[in-house]
Amino acid sequence: MTGPGDRSGVDAGQGAAAPSGGFRKGAFGVAGSGDTSGFGGLVRVEPGGAVALHSTDRPYGGWFDEVTDALIEAVGEATYAAAVPRVLVDRGEITYFVAREHLLTLARALRDDDALRFELCSSVSGVDYESSGGPAATPGRPRLHVVYHLTSMTYRRRIRLEVAVTVEDPHVPSVSSVYPTADWHERETYDMFGVVFDGHPALTRILMPDDWDGFPQRKDYPLGGVPVEYHGATVPPPDTRRSYR
């Protein structure tokens, strides 16, 4: 068993190992414990690596099939087929990938149907799947994803909805009229990722100043330095810092 200090034969002065099997470890070419940005333990899939884009075949197992059948009955088979192009069951969780034009229909059914009763939207967040290569970097590809976690307090169940949009057309209907808890979550997702939630009662920035340029959690947003009011010093961006040994 190895501890945090074990370098497994890697010299601290060398860069991170080349990708093996489609995966790269660490960030910014730093090895050992020298990565001061906190990304030393990062493992990411390299372009061309294996990414799960399939849809899980039924039966899904457990109560997942019961919820899916109830949702199909609530909205109708034709609407469900058009609204949910993909379902993924992974690590004991189920995700419904939803076409944005059907999001509100599904949200209302999930909240109101007696067999579903997902009364609470516990979080709305964003993900940017931009990369330097591979299909995610193709112009017009829906790289911005909005993720909704819905909780049924009646049946003690939790599901995930995911909607994908392009950077060129980053519009998603607001679910704040169905789930009021989504109000500030959608504002934060807009602020950080630039997803526009149509129908939101007051879609303004919530973390950054109103006149801020850009969306800080998009992958193509520059890391930047942080000005420090001490003898004109600045903290350099993480990708330009030296490795502390």
C-alpha atoms as a PDB file:
ATOM      1  CA  MET A   1       0.000   0.000   0.000  1.00  0.00           C
ATOM      2  CA  THR A   2       1.400   3.383  -0.920  1.00  0.00           C
ATOM      3  CA  GLY A   3       0.995   6.741   0.765  1.00  0.00           C
ATOM      4  CA  PRO A   4       0.755  10.289  -0.621  1.00  0.00           C
ATOM      5  CA  GLY A   5       4.535  10.632  -0.643  1.00  0.00           C
ATOM      6  CA  ASP A   6       5.169   7.552  -2.761  1.00  0.00           C
ATOM      7  CA  ARG A   7       6.290   8.501  -6.286  1.00  0.00           C
ATOM      8  CA  SER A   8       6.139   4.935  -7.665  1.00  0.00           C
ATOM      9  CA  GLY A   9       9.478   5.326  -9.369  1.00  0.00           C
ATOM     10  CA  VAL A  10       8.640   8.669 -11.016  1.00  0.00           C
ATOM     11  CA  ASP A  11      11.229  11.418 -10.633  1.00  0.00           C
ATOM     12  CA  ALA A  12       9.618  14.586  -9.232  1.00  0.00           C
ATOM     13  CA  GLY A  13      11.519  16.616 -11.789  1.00  0.00           C
ATOM     14  CA  GLN A  14       9.935  14.846 -14.739  1.00  0.00           C
ATOM     15  CA  GLY A  15       6.644  15.734 -16.383  1.00  0.00           C
ATOM     16  CA  ALA A  16       3.481  13.670 -16.177  1.00  0.00           C
ATOM     17  CA  ALA A  17       3.574  10.307 -17.886  1.00  0.00           C
ATOM     18  CA  ALA A  18       2.278  10.060 -21.441  1.00  0.00           C
ATOM     19  CA  PRO A  19      -1.341   8.959 -21.866  1.00  0.00           C
ATOM     20  CA  SER A  20      -1.830   5.225 -21.492  1.00  0.00           C
ATOM     21  CA  GLY A  21      -4.998   3.488 -22.595  1.00  0.00           C
ATOM     22  CA  GLY A  22      -6.661   6.807 -23.459  1.00  0.00           C
ATOM     23  CA  PHE A  23      -6.206   8.390 -20.024  1.00  0.00           C
ATOM     24  CA  ARG A  24      -3.901  11.133 -18.764  1.00  0.00           C
ATOM     25  CA  LYS A  25      -3.092  11.634 -15.089  1.00  0.00           C
ATOM     26  CA  GLY A  26      -2.409  14.981 -13.452  1.00  0.00           C
ATOM     27  CA  ALA A  27      -2.675  18.452 -14.949  1.00  0.00           C
ATOM     28  CA  PHE A  28      -0.270  20.957 -16.520  1.00  0.00           C
ATOM     29  CA  GLY A  29       2.497  18.349 -16.852  1.00  0.00           C
ATOM     30  CA  VAL A  30       3.190  18.180 -13.119  1.00  0.00           C
ATOM     31  CA  ALA A  31       4.230  14.948 -11.409  1.00  0.00           C
ATOM     32  CA  GLY A  32       4.327  13.929  -7.752  1.00  0.00           C
ATOM     33  CA  SER A  33       2.997  16.445  -5.228  1.00  0.00           C
ATOM     34  CA  GLY A  34       4.254  19.544  -7.023  1.00  0.00           C
ATOM     35  CA  ASP A  35       0.941  20.588  -8.554  1.00  0.00           C
ATOM     36  CA  THR A  36      -0.108  23.542  -6.402  1.00  0.00           C
ATOM     37  CA  SER A  37      -3.387  24.026  -8.275  1.00  0.00           C
ATOM     38  CA  GLY A  38      -5.013  21.018  -6.608  1.00  0.00           C
ATOM     39  CA  PHE A  39      -5.356  19.048  -9.852  1.00  0.00           C
ATOM     40  CA  GLY A  40      -2.508  16.597  -9.208  1.00  0.00           C
ATOM     41  CA  GLY A  41      -4.962  13.734  -8.833  1.00  0.00           C
ATOM     42  CA  LEU A  42      -6.930  14.561 -11.975  1.00  0.00           C
ATOM     43  CA  VAL A  43      -7.551  11.675 -14.379  1.00  0.00           C
ATOM     44  CA  ARG A  44      -9.213  12.647 -17.638  1.00  0.00           C
ATOM     45  CA  VAL A  45     -10.091  10.823 -20.823  1.00  0.00           C
ATOM     46  CA  GLU A  46      -7.911  11.823 -23.741  1.00  0.00           C
ATOM     47  CA  PRO A  47      -9.460  12.430 -27.181  1.00  0.00           C
ATOM     48  CA  GLY A  48     -10.033   9.018 -28.692  1.00  0.00           C
ATOM     49  CA  GLY A  49     -10.406   7.392 -25.272  1.00  0.00           C
ATOM     50  CA  ALA A  50     -13.463   5.415 -24.257  1.00  0.00           C
ATOM     51  CA  VAL A  51     -16.447   7.647 -23.408  1.00  0.00           C
ATOM     52  CA  ALA A  52     -19.825   6.122 -22.555  1.00  0.00           C
ATOM     53  CA  LEU A  53     -22.277   7.452 -25.150  1.00  0.00           C
ATOM     54  CA  HIS A  54     -24.509   4.401 -25.323  1.00  0.00           C
ATOM     55  CA  SER A  55     -28.008   3.962 -23.949  1.00  0.00           C
ATOM     56  CA  THR A  56     -28.584   1.300 -21.317  1.00  0.00           C
ATOM     57  CA  ASP A  57     -30.833  -1.545 -22.444  1.00  0.00           C
ATOM     58  CA  ARG A  58     -33.899  -2.490 -20.467  1.00  0.00           C
ATOM     59  CA  PRO A  59     -34.573  -3.849 -17.964  1.00  0.00           C
ATOM     60  CA  TYR A  60     -32.702  -1.191 -16.000  1.00  0.00           C
ATOM     61  CA  GLY A  61     -33.128  -3.010 -12.698  1.00  0.00           C
ATOM     62  CA  GLY A  62     -34.627  -2.105  -9.331  1.00  0.00           C
ATOM     63  CA  TRP A  63     -37.174   0.707  -9.256  1.00  0.00           C
ATOM     64  CA  PHE A  64     -35.733   2.332 -12.395  1.00  0.00           C
ATOM     65  CA  ASP A  65     -38.110   0.363 -14.627  1.00  0.00           C
ATOM     66  CA  GLU A  66     -41.078   1.247 -12.424  1.00  0.00           C
ATOM     67  CA  VAL A  67     -40.302   4.965 -12.696  1.00  0.00           C
ATOM     68  CA  THR A  68     -39.694   4.747 -16.445  1.00  0.00           C
ATOM     69  CA  ASP A  69     -42.979   2.919 -17.048  1.00  0.00           C
ATOM     70  CA  ALA A  70     -44.846   5.463 -14.919  1.00  0.00           C
ATOM     71  CA  LEU A  71     -43.246   8.332 -16.859  1.00  0.00           C
ATOM     72  CA  ILE A  72     -44.165   6.764 -20.199  1.00  0.00           C
ATOM     73  CA  GLU A  73     -47.750   6.323 -19.017  1.00  0.00           C
ATOM     74  CA  ALA A  74     -47.891   9.914 -17.742  1.00  0.00           C
ATOM     75  CA  VAL A  75     -46.705  11.610 -20.954  1.00  0.00           C
ATOM     76  CA  GLY A  76     -47.564   9.004 -23.576  1.00  0.00           C
ATOM     77  CA  GLU A  77     -45.295   6.693 -25.552  1.00  0.00           C
ATOM     78  CA  ALA A  78     -44.890   9.056 -28.509  1.00  0.00           C
ATOM     79  CA  THR A  79     -43.918  12.021 -26.334  1.00  0.00           C
ATOM     80  CA  TYR A  80     -41.533   9.924 -24.261  1.00  0.00           C
ATOM     81  CA  ALA A  81     -39.830   8.541 -27.378  1.00  0.00           C
ATOM     82  CA  ALA A  82     -39.326  12.075 -28.720  1.00  0.00           C
ATOM     83  CA  ALA A  83     -38.336  13.541 -25.354  1.00  0.00           C
ATOM     84  CA  VAL A  84     -35.866  10.932 -24.087  1.00  0.00           C
ATOM     85  CA  PRO A  85     -33.409   9.787 -26.772  1.00  0.00           C
ATOM     86  CA  ARG A  86     -31.095   8.118 -24.276  1.00  0.00           C
ATOM     87  CA  VAL A  87     -31.148   6.625 -20.775  1.00  0.00           C
ATOM     88  CA  LEU A  88     -27.995   5.709 -18.887  1.00  0.00           C
ATOM     89  CA  VAL A  89     -27.807   3.563 -15.765  1.00  0.00           C
ATOM     90  CA  ASP A  90     -24.385   3.719 -14.166  1.00  0.00           C
ATOM     91  CA  ARG A  91     -23.080   3.229 -10.630  1.00  0.00           C
ATOM     92  CA  GLY A  92     -26.559   2.711  -9.229  1.00  0.00           C
ATOM     93  CA  GLU A  93     -27.938   5.959 -10.715  1.00  0.00           C
ATOM     94  CA  ILE A  94     -30.237   6.655 -13.657  1.00  0.00           C
ATOM     95  CA  THR A  95     -29.967   9.604 -16.047  1.00  0.00           C
ATOM     96  CA  TYR A  96     -32.606  10.571 -18.599  1.00  0.00           C
ATOM     97  CA  PHE A  97     -31.167  12.625 -21.473  1.00  0.00           C
ATOM     98  CA  VAL A  98     -33.972  14.993 -22.435  1.00  0.00           C
ATOM     99  CA  ALA A  99     -34.622  17.059 -25.555  1.00  0.00           C
ATOM    100  CA  ARG A 100     -35.006  20.643 -24.363  1.00  0.00           C
ATOM    101  CA  GLU A 101     -38.353  21.245 -26.099  1.00  0.00           C
ATOM    102  CA  HIS A 102     -39.901  18.493 -23.948  1.00  0.00           C
ATOM    103  CA  LEU A 103     -38.204  19.388 -20.655  1.00  0.00           C
ATOM    104  CA  LEU A 104     -41.162  21.180 -19.054  1.00  0.00           C
ATOM    105  CA  THR A 105     -43.595  18.443 -20.052  1.00  0.00           C
ATOM    106  CA  LEU A 106     -41.462  15.814 -18.367  1.00  0.00           C
ATOM    107  CA  ALA A 107     -40.771  17.985 -15.329  1.00  0.00           C
ATOM    108  CA  ARG A 108     -44.486  18.555 -14.682  1.00  0.00           C
ATOM    109  CA  ALA A 109     -45.254  14.852 -15.075  1.00  0.00           C
ATOM    110  CA  LEU A 110     -42.409  13.878 -12.753  1.00  0.00           C
ATOM    111  CA  ARG A 111     -43.654  16.326 -10.120  1.00  0.00           C
ATOM    112  CA  ASP A 112     -47.420  15.764 -10.356  1.00  0.00           C
ATOM    113  CA  ASP A 113     -48.023  12.141 -11.284  1.00  0.00           C
ATOM    114  CA  ASP A 114     -49.008  10.076  -8.246  1.00  0.00           C
ATOM    115  CA  ALA A 115     -46.758   7.197  -9.287  1.00  0.00           C
ATOM    116  CA  LEU A 116     -43.730   9.493  -9.614  1.00  0.00           C
ATOM    117  CA  ARG A 117     -43.975  12.384  -7.125  1.00  0.00           C
ATOM    118  CA  PHE A 118     -40.538  13.939  -7.676  1.00  0.00           C
ATOM    119  CA  GLU A 119     -41.473  16.987  -5.625  1.00  0.00           C
ATOM    120  CA  LEU A 120     -38.017  18.520  -5.197  1.00  0.00           C
ATOM    121  CA  CYS A 121     -35.419  19.781  -7.654  1.00  0.00           C
ATOM    122  CA  SER A 122     -32.399  19.663  -5.382  1.00  0.00           C
ATOM    123  CA  SER A 123     -29.871  21.074  -7.839  1.00  0.00           C
ATOM    124  CA  VAL A 124     -29.318  22.460 -11.333  1.00  0.00           C
ATOM    125  CA  SER A 125     -25.748  22.605 -12.574  1.00  0.00           C
ATOM    126  CA  GLY A 126     -23.758  22.909 -15.772  1.00  0.00           C
ATOM    127  CA  VAL A 127     -21.057  20.872 -17.491  1.00  0.00           C
ATOM    128  CA  ASP A 128     -18.858  21.858 -20.416  1.00  0.00           C
ATOM    129  CA  TYR A 129     -17.550  18.953 -22.492  1.00  0.00           C
ATOM    130  CA  GLU A 130     -15.294  21.124 -24.662  1.00  0.00           C
ATOM    131  CA  SER A 131     -11.972  19.496 -25.496  1.00  0.00           C
ATOM    132  CA  SER A 132      -8.952  20.188 -27.643  1.00  0.00           C
ATOM    133  CA  GLY A 133      -9.871  17.418 -30.051  1.00  0.00           C
ATOM    134  CA  GLY A 134     -12.356  14.673 -30.764  1.00  0.00           C
ATOM    135  CA  PRO A 135     -16.096  14.977 -31.415  1.00  0.00           C
ATOM    136  CA  ALA A 136     -16.765  17.260 -28.437  1.00  0.00           C
ATOM    137  CA  ALA A 137     -14.735  20.013 -30.123  1.00  0.00           C
ATOM    138  CA  THR A 138     -16.747  19.897 -33.359  1.00  0.00           C
ATOM    139  CA  PRO A 139     -18.577  23.211 -34.041  1.00  0.00           C
ATOM    140  CA  GLY A 140     -22.298  22.855 -33.460  1.00  0.00           C
ATOM    141  CA  ARG A 141     -21.949  19.869 -31.149  1.00  0.00           C
ATOM    142  CA  PRO A 142     -23.998  20.203 -27.912  1.00  0.00           C
ATOM    143  CA  ARG A 143     -21.074  20.479 -25.530  1.00  0.00           C
ATOM    144  CA  LEU A 144     -22.954  22.428 -22.802  1.00  0.00           C
ATOM    145  CA  HIS A 145     -25.026  20.165 -20.549  1.00  0.00           C
ATOM    146  CA  VAL A 146     -27.530  21.183 -17.871  1.00  0.00           C
ATOM    147  CA  VAL A 147     -28.013  18.578 -15.143  1.00  0.00           C
ATOM    148  CA  TYR A 148     -31.087  18.396 -12.887  1.00  0.00           C
ATOM    149  CA  HIS A 149     -31.299  16.245  -9.755  1.00  0.00           C
ATOM    150  CA  LEU A 150     -34.892  15.442  -8.835  1.00  0.00           C
ATOM    151  CA  THR A 151     -35.864  13.888  -5.504  1.00  0.00           C
ATOM    152  CA  SER A 152     -39.048  12.066  -4.593  1.00  0.00           C
ATOM    153  CA  MET A 153     -39.555  12.545  -0.875  1.00  0.00           C
ATOM    154  CA  THR A 154     -42.681  10.398  -1.112  1.00  0.00           C
ATOM    155  CA  TYR A 155     -40.892   7.336  -2.494  1.00  0.00           C
ATOM    156  CA  ARG A 156     -37.330   8.202  -1.388  1.00  0.00           C
ATOM    157  CA  ARG A 157     -35.933   8.081  -4.915  1.00  0.00           C
ATOM    158  CA  ARG A 158     -33.575  10.255  -6.900  1.00  0.00           C
ATOM    159  CA  ILE A 159     -33.137  10.620 -10.656  1.00  0.00           C
ATOM    160  CA  ARG A 160     -31.149  12.839 -12.971  1.00  0.00           C
ATOM    161  CA  LEU A 161     -32.239  14.723 -16.089  1.00  0.00           C
ATOM    162  CA  GLU A 162     -29.659  16.036 -18.535  1.00  0.00           C
ATOM    163  CA  VAL A 163     -30.181  18.491 -21.386  1.00  0.00           C
ATOM    164  CA  ALA A 164     -27.458  19.255 -23.943  1.00  0.00           C
ATOM    165  CA  VAL A 165     -27.206  22.429 -26.059  1.00  0.00           C
ATOM    166  CA  THR A 166     -24.673  24.053 -28.328  1.00  0.00           C
ATOM    167  CA  VAL A 167     -22.590  27.129 -27.566  1.00  0.00           C
ATOM    168  CA  GLU A 168     -24.151  28.765 -30.620  1.00  0.00           C
ATOM    169  CA  ASP A 169     -27.697  28.201 -29.290  1.00  0.00           C
ATOM    170  CA  PRO A 170     -27.420  27.799 -25.498  1.00  0.00           C
ATOM    171  CA  HIS A 171     -31.145  28.117 -24.716  1.00  0.00           C
ATOM    172  CA  VAL A 172     -33.051  25.846 -22.303  1.00  0.00           C
ATOM    173  CA  PRO A 173     -36.554  26.401 -20.879  1.00  0.00           C
ATOM    174  CA  SER A 174     -36.517  27.482 -17.251  1.00  0.00           C
ATOM    175  CA  VAL A 175     -38.024  24.949 -14.830  1.00  0.00           C
ATOM    176  CA  SER A 176     -38.422  27.586 -12.113  1.00  0.00           C
ATOM    177  CA  SER A 177     -42.196  27.679 -12.718  1.00  0.00           C
ATOM    178  CA  VAL A 178     -42.330  23.946 -11.925  1.00  0.00           C
ATOM    179  CA  TYR A 179     -39.584  23.837  -9.286  1.00  0.00           C
ATOM    180  CA  PRO A 180     -39.101  27.222  -7.554  1.00  0.00           C
ATOM    181  CA  THR A 181     -35.867  25.917  -5.982  1.00  0.00           C
ATOM    182  CA  ALA A 182     -34.310  26.033  -9.457  1.00  0.00           C
ATOM    183  CA  ASP A 183     -34.431  29.859  -9.538  1.00  0.00           C
ATOM    184  CA  TRP A 184     -30.986  30.627  -8.132  1.00  0.00           C
ATOM    185  CA  HIS A 185     -29.490  27.374  -9.440  1.00  0.00           C
ATOM    186  CA  GLU A 186     -30.363  28.430 -12.986  1.00  0.00           C
ATOM    187  CA  ARG A 187     -28.916  31.891 -12.374  1.00  0.00           C
ATOM    188  CA  GLU A 188     -25.621  30.357 -11.261  1.00  0.00           C
ATOM    189  CA  THR A 189     -25.532  28.016 -14.271  1.00  0.00           C
ATOM    190  CA  TYR A 190     -26.173  30.995 -16.541  1.00  0.00           C
ATOM    191  CA  ASP A 191     -23.483  33.015 -14.788  1.00  0.00           C
ATOM    192  CA  MET A 192     -20.817  30.290 -14.964  1.00  0.00           C
ATOM    193  CA  PHE A 193     -21.657  28.529 -18.249  1.00  0.00           C
ATOM    194  CA  GLY A 194     -23.690  31.007 -20.299  1.00  0.00           C
ATOM    195  CA  VAL A 195     -26.765  28.789 -20.613  1.00  0.00           C
ATOM    196  CA  VAL A 196     -29.811  31.012 -21.161  1.00  0.00           C
ATOM    197  CA  PHE A 197     -32.904  29.793 -19.311  1.00  0.00           C
ATOM    198  CA  ASP A 198     -35.877  31.070 -21.283  1.00  0.00           C
ATOM    199  CA  GLY A 199     -38.794  32.127 -19.089  1.00  0.00           C
ATOM    200  CA  HIS A 200     -36.710  32.664 -15.957  1.00  0.00           C
ATOM    201  CA  PRO A 201     -38.206  35.522 -13.906  1.00  0.00           C
ATOM    202  CA  ALA A 202     -34.891  37.367 -13.394  1.00  0.00           C
ATOM    203  CA  LEU A 203     -31.975  35.805 -15.241  1.00  0.00           C
ATOM    204  CA  THR A 204     -29.080  37.932 -14.026  1.00  0.00           C
ATOM    205  CA  ARG A 205     -25.609  37.083 -12.808  1.00  0.00           C
ATOM    206  CA  ILE A 206     -25.438  35.833  -9.243  1.00  0.00           C
ATOM    207  CA  LEU A 207     -21.680  35.457  -8.595  1.00  0.00           C
ATOM    208  CA  MET A 208     -19.885  37.679 -11.105  1.00  0.00           C
ATOM    209  CA  PRO A 209     -20.442  41.437 -11.652  1.00  0.00           C
ATOM    210  CA  ASP A 210     -23.212  42.306 -14.091  1.00  0.00           C
ATOM    211  CA  ASP A 211     -20.730  43.612 -16.680  1.00  0.00           C
ATOM    212  CA  TRP A 212     -18.401  40.587 -16.494  1.00  0.00           C
ATOM    213  CA  ASP A 213     -17.176  39.369 -19.869  1.00  0.00           C
ATOM    214  CA  GLY A 214     -17.404  35.614 -20.426  1.00  0.00           C
ATOM    215  CA  PHE A 215     -18.453  32.577 -18.436  1.00  0.00           C
ATOM    216  CA  PRO A 216     -15.755  31.405 -16.003  1.00  0.00           C
ATOM    217  CA  GLN A 217     -16.537  27.666 -15.879  1.00  0.00           C
ATOM    218  CA  ARG A 218     -16.484  27.090 -19.612  1.00  0.00           C
ATOM    219  CA  LYS A 219     -13.450  25.028 -20.535  1.00  0.00           C
ATOM    220  CA  ASP A 220     -12.214  27.586 -23.057  1.00  0.00           C
ATOM    221  CA  TYR A 221     -12.310  30.423 -20.515  1.00  0.00           C
ATOM    222  CA  PRO A 222      -8.747  31.610 -19.670  1.00  0.00           C
ATOM    223  CA  LEU A 223      -7.519  30.642 -16.215  1.00  0.00           C
ATOM    224  CA  GLY A 224      -6.053  34.101 -15.670  1.00  0.00           C
ATOM    225  CA  GLY A 225      -4.097  35.529 -12.779  1.00  0.00           C
ATOM    226  CA  VAL A 226      -5.421  36.976  -9.524  1.00  0.00           C
ATOM    227  CA  PRO A 227      -4.301  40.569  -8.721  1.00  0.00           C
ATOM    228  CA  VAL A 228      -2.900  40.924  -5.216  1.00  0.00           C
ATOM    229  CA  GLU A 229      -2.574  44.335  -3.531  1.00  0.00           C
ATOM    230  CA  TYR A 230       0.913  43.748  -2.182  1.00  0.00           C
ATOM    231  CA  HIS A 231       3.851  45.478  -3.900  1.00  0.00           C
ATOM    232  CA  GLY A 232       2.160  44.977  -7.294  1.00  0.00           C
ATOM    233  CA  ALA A 233       2.435  41.182  -7.036  1.00  0.00           C
ATOM    234  CA  THR A 234       0.134  38.815  -8.894  1.00  0.00           C
ATOM    235  CA  VAL A 235      -0.677  35.133  -8.529  1.00  0.00           C
ATOM    236  CA  PRO A 236       0.070  33.549 -11.919  1.00  0.00           C
ATOM    237  CA  PRO A 237      -2.400  31.245 -13.667  1.00  0.00           C
ATOM    238  CA  PRO A 238      -2.091  27.590 -12.551  1.00  0.00           C
ATOM    239  CA  ASP A 239      -0.797  26.474 -15.934  1.00  0.00           C
ATOM    240  CA  THR A 240       2.202  28.803 -15.676  1.00  0.00           C
ATOM    241  CA  ARG A 241       3.176  28.186 -12.042  1.00  0.00           C
ATOM    242  CA  ARG A 242       6.415  26.432 -11.274  1.00  0.00           C
ATOM    243  CA  SER A 243       6.306  23.061  -9.593  1.00  0.00           C
ATOM    244  CA  TYR A 244       7.057  23.338  -5.867  1.00  0.00           C
ATOM    245  CA  ARG A 245       9.161  20.417  -4.644  1.00  0.00           C
END
